[in-house]
């Protein structure tokens, strides 16, 4: 038994019609698609510098106050936890406020939040 040969109908194509452009490559997110160690180091270096600078300041202050006498050093040791608490709370509040402002700007489609971040860092 022979099978009849089926023919595929040709679709008429306009020769002047241009084909669709190739699809764009998906945008890569460095946090999700990048190498883990390099991304962590890139995000961590500003904090390392800031914390190192803070440590150097505390060491310098302690050295200076230590030269003033034992009573001054004892007073500093008494007040130190409250000073660190105040600095930590203010730094956290500032960081949270800046992150919130940048997130709201990006969510609204504003692509220039770097200016806002620069203003916040200047404070």
Protein backbone atom coordinates (compact mmCIF):
# COMPACT_ATOMS: atom_id res chain seq x y z
CA UNK A 1 0.00 0.00 0.00
CA UNK A 2 1.44 3.32 -1.02
CA UNK A 3 1.12 6.45 1.10
CA UNK A 4 0.21 9.54 -0.79
CA UNK A 5 2.91 12.16 -0.65
CA UNK A 6 1.73 15.10 1.33
CA UNK A 7 2.91 18.50 0.38
CA UNK A 8 3.42 21.35 2.79
CA UNK A 9 1.78 24.52 1.70
CA UNK A 10 4.19 27.38 1.25
CA UNK A 11 3.58 30.57 3.13
CA UNK A 12 3.81 33.58 0.90
CA UNK A 13 6.57 35.93 2.04
CA UNK A 14 6.96 39.51 1.01
CA UNK A 15 10.55 39.91 -0.14
CA UNK A 16 10.68 43.52 1.02
CA UNK A 17 9.56 42.60 4.52
CA UNK A 18 12.45 42.50 6.99
CA UNK A 19 12.78 39.73 9.54
CA UNK A 20 12.41 40.45 13.23
CA UNK A 21 15.60 41.52 15.01
CA UNK A 22 17.22 38.88 17.19
CA UNK A 23 16.07 38.92 20.82
CA UNK A 24 18.21 40.90 23.23
CA UNK A 25 20.36 39.01 25.69
CA UNK A 26 18.86 38.95 29.19
CA UNK A 27 20.28 41.49 31.61
CA UNK A 28 22.70 39.86 34.03
CA UNK A 29 22.54 40.70 37.70
CA UNK A 30 26.03 40.71 39.21
CA UNK A 31 24.71 39.73 42.65
CA UNK A 32 22.94 36.66 41.29
CA UNK A 33 25.08 35.62 38.35
CA UNK A 34 28.58 36.77 39.31
CA UNK A 35 31.29 34.83 41.11
CA UNK A 36 30.55 34.65 44.82
CA UNK A 37 33.95 35.49 46.33
CA UNK A 38 34.60 38.42 44.01
CA UNK A 39 31.11 39.84 44.64
CA UNK A 40 31.49 39.53 48.41
CA UNK A 41 34.88 41.22 48.36
CA UNK A 42 33.57 44.00 46.13
CA UNK A 43 30.67 44.66 48.52
CA UNK A 44 32.78 44.33 51.68
CA UNK A 45 35.76 46.60 50.98
CA UNK A 46 34.03 49.91 51.91
CA UNK A 47 32.96 48.44 55.25
CA UNK A 48 36.45 47.09 55.91
CA UNK A 49 37.94 50.53 55.31
CA UNK A 50 35.34 52.27 57.48
CA UNK A 51 35.75 49.83 60.36
CA UNK A 52 39.54 50.00 60.13
CA UNK A 53 39.41 53.79 60.27
CA UNK A 54 37.10 53.64 63.28
CA UNK A 55 39.44 51.24 65.04
CA UNK A 56 42.41 53.54 64.38
CA UNK A 57 40.50 56.50 65.82
CA UNK A 58 39.59 54.58 68.98
CA UNK A 59 43.21 53.48 69.45
CA UNK A 60 44.44 57.05 68.96
CA UNK A 61 41.88 58.44 71.43
CA UNK A 62 42.77 55.82 74.02
CA UNK A 63 46.46 56.57 73.62
CA UNK A 64 45.88 60.30 74.01
CA UNK A 65 43.59 59.98 77.01
CA UNK A 66 45.94 57.43 78.58
CA UNK A 67 48.61 60.14 78.69
CA UNK A 68 46.26 62.39 80.67
CA UNK A 69 46.18 59.99 83.60
CA UNK A 70 44.53 56.99 85.15
CA UNK A 71 41.36 58.87 86.13
CA UNK A 72 40.80 60.04 82.55
CA UNK A 73 41.33 56.53 81.23
CA UNK A 74 38.87 55.14 83.79
CA UNK A 75 36.30 57.76 82.78
CA UNK A 76 36.73 56.81 79.15
CA UNK A 77 36.31 53.13 79.98
CA UNK A 78 33.08 54.00 81.83
CA UNK A 79 31.61 56.05 78.99
CA UNK A 80 32.93 53.92 76.10
CA UNK A 81 29.96 51.49 75.85
CA UNK A 82 27.49 54.37 75.59
CA UNK A 83 29.56 56.14 72.95
CA UNK A 84 29.79 52.96 70.87
CA UNK A 85 26.04 52.36 71.29
CA UNK A 86 25.28 55.89 70.08
CA UNK A 87 27.63 55.57 67.12
CA UNK A 88 26.18 52.19 66.14
CA UNK A 89 22.59 53.38 66.37
CA UNK A 90 23.26 56.53 64.37
CA UNK A 91 25.20 54.61 61.72
CA UNK A 92 22.46 52.02 61.41
CA UNK A 93 19.76 54.66 61.16
CA UNK A 94 21.69 56.57 58.52
CA UNK A 95 22.40 53.42 56.51
CA UNK A 96 18.79 52.31 56.73
CA UNK A 97 17.54 55.72 55.65
CA UNK A 98 19.90 55.90 52.68
CA UNK A 99 19.05 52.35 51.60
CA UNK A 100 15.34 53.14 51.89
CA UNK A 101 15.65 56.35 49.85
CA UNK A 102 17.62 54.62 47.09
CA UNK A 103 15.20 51.66 47.00
CA UNK A 104 12.22 54.01 46.68
CA UNK A 105 13.93 55.96 43.90
CA UNK A 106 14.77 52.80 41.97
CA UNK A 107 11.27 51.42 42.51
CA UNK A 108 9.78 54.62 41.10
CA UNK A 109 11.93 54.27 37.99
CA UNK A 110 14.32 57.09 38.87
CA UNK A 111 17.72 55.97 37.62
CA UNK A 112 19.75 58.71 39.29
CA UNK A 113 19.79 57.71 42.97
CA UNK A 114 23.57 58.14 43.08
CA UNK A 115 23.02 61.86 43.62
CA UNK A 116 20.84 61.12 46.66
CA UNK A 117 23.41 58.66 47.99
CA UNK A 118 26.15 61.27 47.56
CA UNK A 119 24.12 63.83 49.49
CA UNK A 120 23.46 61.33 52.27
CA UNK A 121 27.14 60.41 52.54
CA UNK A 122 28.05 64.09 52.76
CA UNK A 123 25.88 64.37 55.88
